[in-house]
Amino acid sequence: MTPLWHDGPLAALPEGAAPVVWRVPDAGPTARHTLACALVARRAELSAGVVQLARSPAGAPRVASPPGWYIGLSQRGGRSLIAVALRPIAVDREVVDGVAPLWDMLSAGEATALRKLDRSDQPRAWLRRWTIKEAHAKLIGEPRRLTPEMIETSILDRVHASAVCEGRSRCWTRDTGDAIETVAMWDEAA
């Protein structure tokens, strides 16, 4: 199921349990926690007071209550992404900086694909792949034990992509002009 990107107030979020990625101004960890609880509550049609968040042994955010819900968090450049779904979900947000690609973070196939692009397009294309790798690694649950080149990304079009390492994820990216944002969920067809 394709996740819904939502950039407005929580009250404007349509009803339903479909996966959602909510972009909000980042006001720090306490505000992120409060907003994440509010988003889970809205999707689960519960009071925010019954939502409890916790951390996995590896430090990943998770929904402790109500059962069956999953959360993903990322923050960069004064914005946070908060993702909620009824199956594992992860997000990454990186600010566009124009820095040249870090070639050693890519697999051989990814580096070949990137080198085929015009040199001016390579930094942004590399950053997109990086957000896909990060979101996929977070989906696995222990991102620090993986090296980036272990995760093989495939760009399907300007929005859709996939990543493979210890499973296959479907990824959706968007370029906001100042940042690249990606959401990843396990590919149910794999």
Protein backbone atom coordinates (compact mmCIF):
# COMPACT_ATOMS: atom_id res chain seq x y z
CA MET A 1 0.00 0.00 0.00
CA THR A 2 1.41 3.38 -1.00
CA PRO A 3 2.00 5.67 1.99
CA LEU A 4 0.27 9.02 2.19
CA TRP A 5 2.55 12.06 2.48
CA HIS A 6 0.97 14.67 4.76
CA ASP A 7 2.43 18.12 5.38
CA GLY A 8 -0.50 19.87 7.02
CA PRO A 9 -2.00 19.95 10.49
CA LEU A 10 -2.95 16.64 12.08
CA ALA A 11 -6.64 17.60 12.06
CA ALA A 12 -6.50 17.80 8.25
CA LEU A 13 -5.21 14.22 7.91
CA PRO A 14 -7.86 12.01 6.31
CA GLU A 15 -9.29 9.19 8.44
CA GLY A 16 -8.05 5.66 7.88
CA ALA A 17 -5.28 3.30 8.79
CA ALA A 18 -3.23 3.60 5.58
CA PRO A 19 0.48 4.22 6.12
CA VAL A 20 1.21 7.92 6.53
CA VAL A 21 4.34 10.07 6.61
CA TRP A 22 3.77 13.39 8.35
CA ARG A 23 6.30 16.20 7.87
CA VAL A 24 6.34 18.72 10.71
CA PRO A 25 8.66 21.45 11.96
CA ASP A 26 11.21 19.87 14.30
CA ALA A 27 10.87 21.28 17.82
CA GLY A 28 13.07 18.69 19.54
CA PRO A 29 12.68 15.20 21.01
CA THR A 30 9.86 15.99 23.44
CA ALA A 31 7.72 17.62 20.76
CA ARG A 32 8.53 14.77 18.31
CA HIS A 33 7.42 12.23 20.92
CA THR A 34 4.16 14.10 21.54
CA LEU A 35 3.45 14.45 17.81
CA ALA A 36 4.27 10.78 17.16
CA CYS A 37 1.82 9.71 19.89
CA ALA A 38 -0.82 12.02 18.43
CA LEU A 39 -0.32 10.57 14.94
CA VAL A 40 -0.56 6.96 16.17
CA ALA A 41 -3.69 7.88 18.15
CA ARG A 42 -5.27 9.54 15.10
CA ARG A 43 -4.57 6.54 12.84
CA ALA A 44 -5.67 4.01 15.50
CA GLU A 45 -8.73 6.14 16.39
CA LEU A 46 -7.74 6.26 20.06
CA SER A 47 -6.95 8.90 22.65
CA ALA A 48 -3.33 10.08 22.56
CA GLY A 49 -3.07 9.20 26.25
CA VAL A 50 -3.20 5.45 25.54
CA VAL A 51 -0.31 5.53 23.05
CA GLN A 52 3.05 4.51 24.48
CA LEU A 53 6.31 4.65 22.58
CA ALA A 54 9.48 2.79 23.49
CA ARG A 55 12.87 1.91 21.99
CA SER A 56 14.03 -1.45 20.69
CA PRO A 57 17.24 -2.90 22.17
CA ALA A 58 19.04 -1.35 19.16
CA GLY A 59 17.49 2.07 19.93
CA ALA A 60 14.88 2.15 17.16
CA PRO A 61 11.59 3.86 18.04
CA ARG A 62 8.63 1.52 18.36
CA VAL A 63 5.00 1.60 19.40
CA ALA A 64 4.60 -0.25 22.73
CA SER A 65 0.83 0.38 22.85
CA PRO A 66 -1.53 -0.05 21.05
CA PRO A 67 -0.26 -3.34 19.62
CA GLY A 68 0.11 -3.83 15.88
CA TRP A 69 1.31 -0.31 15.04
CA TYR A 70 4.75 0.70 13.75
CA ILE A 71 6.54 4.02 13.69
CA GLY A 72 9.47 5.60 11.86
CA LEU A 73 11.23 8.86 12.68
CA SER A 74 13.79 11.09 11.01
CA GLN A 75 14.84 14.70 11.45
CA ARG A 76 17.14 17.01 9.54
CA GLY A 77 17.21 20.65 8.58
CA GLY A 78 14.54 21.84 10.99
CA ARG A 79 11.94 19.28 9.86
CA SER A 80 10.87 15.88 11.16
CA LEU A 81 9.24 12.97 9.40
CA ILE A 82 6.93 10.81 11.50
CA ALA A 83 5.67 7.65 9.82
CA VAL A 84 2.95 5.35 11.14
CA ALA A 85 1.62 2.09 9.69
CA LEU A 86 0.15 -1.29 10.53
CA ARG A 87 3.36 -2.92 9.31
CA PRO A 88 7.04 -2.02 9.63
CA ILE A 89 7.86 1.39 8.19
CA ALA A 90 10.98 3.57 8.19
CA VAL A 91 11.85 7.05 6.94
CA ASP A 92 14.90 9.15 6.22
CA ARG A 93 15.30 12.85 5.47
CA GLU A 94 18.51 14.46 4.27
CA VAL A 95 19.13 18.11 3.44
CA VAL A 96 20.37 18.80 -0.09
CA ASP A 97 23.91 20.15 0.17
CA GLY A 98 25.42 19.64 -3.29
CA VAL A 99 28.36 17.68 -1.88
CA ALA A 100 29.96 15.30 -4.37
CA PRO A 101 28.93 11.63 -4.11
CA LEU A 102 30.70 9.42 -1.60
CA TRP A 103 31.51 6.63 -4.03
CA ASP A 104 32.64 4.15 -1.37
CA MET A 105 29.09 4.15 0.07
CA LEU A 106 27.72 2.66 -3.17
CA SER A 107 27.69 -0.85 -4.58
CA ALA A 108 29.49 -1.32 -7.91
CA GLY A 109 26.17 -1.31 -9.79
CA GLU A 110 24.98 1.87 -8.07
CA ALA A 111 28.26 3.64 -8.82
CA THR A 112 28.02 2.64 -12.49
CA ALA A 113 24.45 3.98 -12.73
CA LEU A 114 25.40 7.23 -11.00
CA ARG A 115 28.43 7.80 -13.24
CA LYS A 116 26.14 7.64 -16.30
CA LEU A 117 24.37 10.80 -15.10
CA ASP A 118 25.50 14.32 -15.90
CA ARG A 119 28.06 15.38 -13.29
CA SER A 120 25.77 18.18 -12.07
CA ASP A 121 22.97 15.66 -11.36
CA GLN A 122 25.15 13.22 -9.42
CA PRO A 123 25.06 14.84 -5.93
CA ARG A 124 21.26 14.90 -5.76
CA ALA A 125 20.97 11.38 -7.26
CA TRP A 126 23.53 10.11 -4.75
CA LEU A 127 21.60 11.74 -1.88
CA ARG A 128 18.40 10.04 -3.04
CA ARG A 129 20.13 6.66 -2.98
CA TRP A 130 21.53 7.50 0.45
CA THR A 131 18.05 8.19 1.89
CA ILE A 132 16.85 4.89 0.42
CA LYS A 133 19.76 3.06 2.04
CA GLU A 134 19.13 4.77 5.39
CA ALA A 135 15.39 4.06 5.37
CA HIS A 136 16.01 0.42 4.42
CA ALA A 137 18.64 0.01 7.15
CA LYS A 138 16.21 1.45 9.71
CA LEU A 139 13.58 -1.00 8.47
CA ILE A 140 15.96 -3.87 9.25
CA GLY A 141 16.11 -2.50 12.79
CA GLU A 142 19.84 -2.41 13.40
CA PRO A 143 21.23 0.09 10.90
CA ARG A 144 24.63 0.51 12.57
CA ARG A 145 25.67 -3.09 11.90
CA LEU A 146 25.32 -2.65 8.11
CA THR A 147 27.73 -0.96 5.76
CA PRO A 148 26.02 1.23 3.13
CA GLU A 149 27.44 -0.69 0.17
CA MET A 150 25.71 -3.86 1.47
CA ILE A 151 22.35 -2.30 0.60
CA GLU A 152 21.66 -2.42 -3.14
CA THR A 153 19.22 0.23 -4.35
CA SER A 154 17.27 0.28 -7.60
CA ILE A 155 15.73 3.48 -8.93
CA LEU A 156 12.50 2.71 -10.78
CA ASP A 157 11.30 6.25 -11.56
CA ARG A 158 11.35 9.70 -9.94
CA VAL A 159 9.29 8.45 -6.95
CA HIS A 160 9.60 4.67 -6.74
CA ALA A 161 12.66 2.66 -5.77
CA SER A 162 13.62 -0.51 -3.95
CA ALA A 163 16.42 -1.72 -1.73
CA VAL A 164 17.76 -5.20 -1.01
CA CYS A 165 19.71 -6.40 2.02
CA GLU A 166 18.28 -8.98 4.41
CA GLY A 167 14.98 -8.57 2.56
CA ARG A 168 13.52 -6.32 -0.11
CA SER A 169 11.82 -3.00 0.59
CA ARG A 170 9.65 -0.81 -1.55
CA CYS A 171 10.62 2.83 -1.25
CA TRP A 172 8.98 6.11 -2.15
CA THR A 173 11.01 9.30 -2.33
CA ARG A 174 10.21 12.93 -2.76
CA ASP A 175 12.44 15.88 -3.46
CA THR A 176 11.19 18.95 -1.60
CA GLY A 177 13.80 21.23 -3.17
CA ASP A 178 15.82 21.62 0.03
CA ALA A 179 15.70 17.95 1.10
CA ILE A 180 15.22 14.39 -0.13
CA GLU A 181 12.76 12.29 1.88
CA THR A 182 12.22 8.53 1.65
CA VAL A 183 9.82 6.06 3.21
CA ALA A 184 10.48 2.30 3.10
CA MET A 185 8.25 -0.69 3.83
CA TRP A 186 8.90 -4.39 3.29
CA ASP A 187 7.89 -5.53 -0.19
CA GLU A 188 4.93 -7.85 0.34
CA ALA A 189 5.47 -9.43 -3.09
CA ALA A 190 9.06 -10.45 -2.35
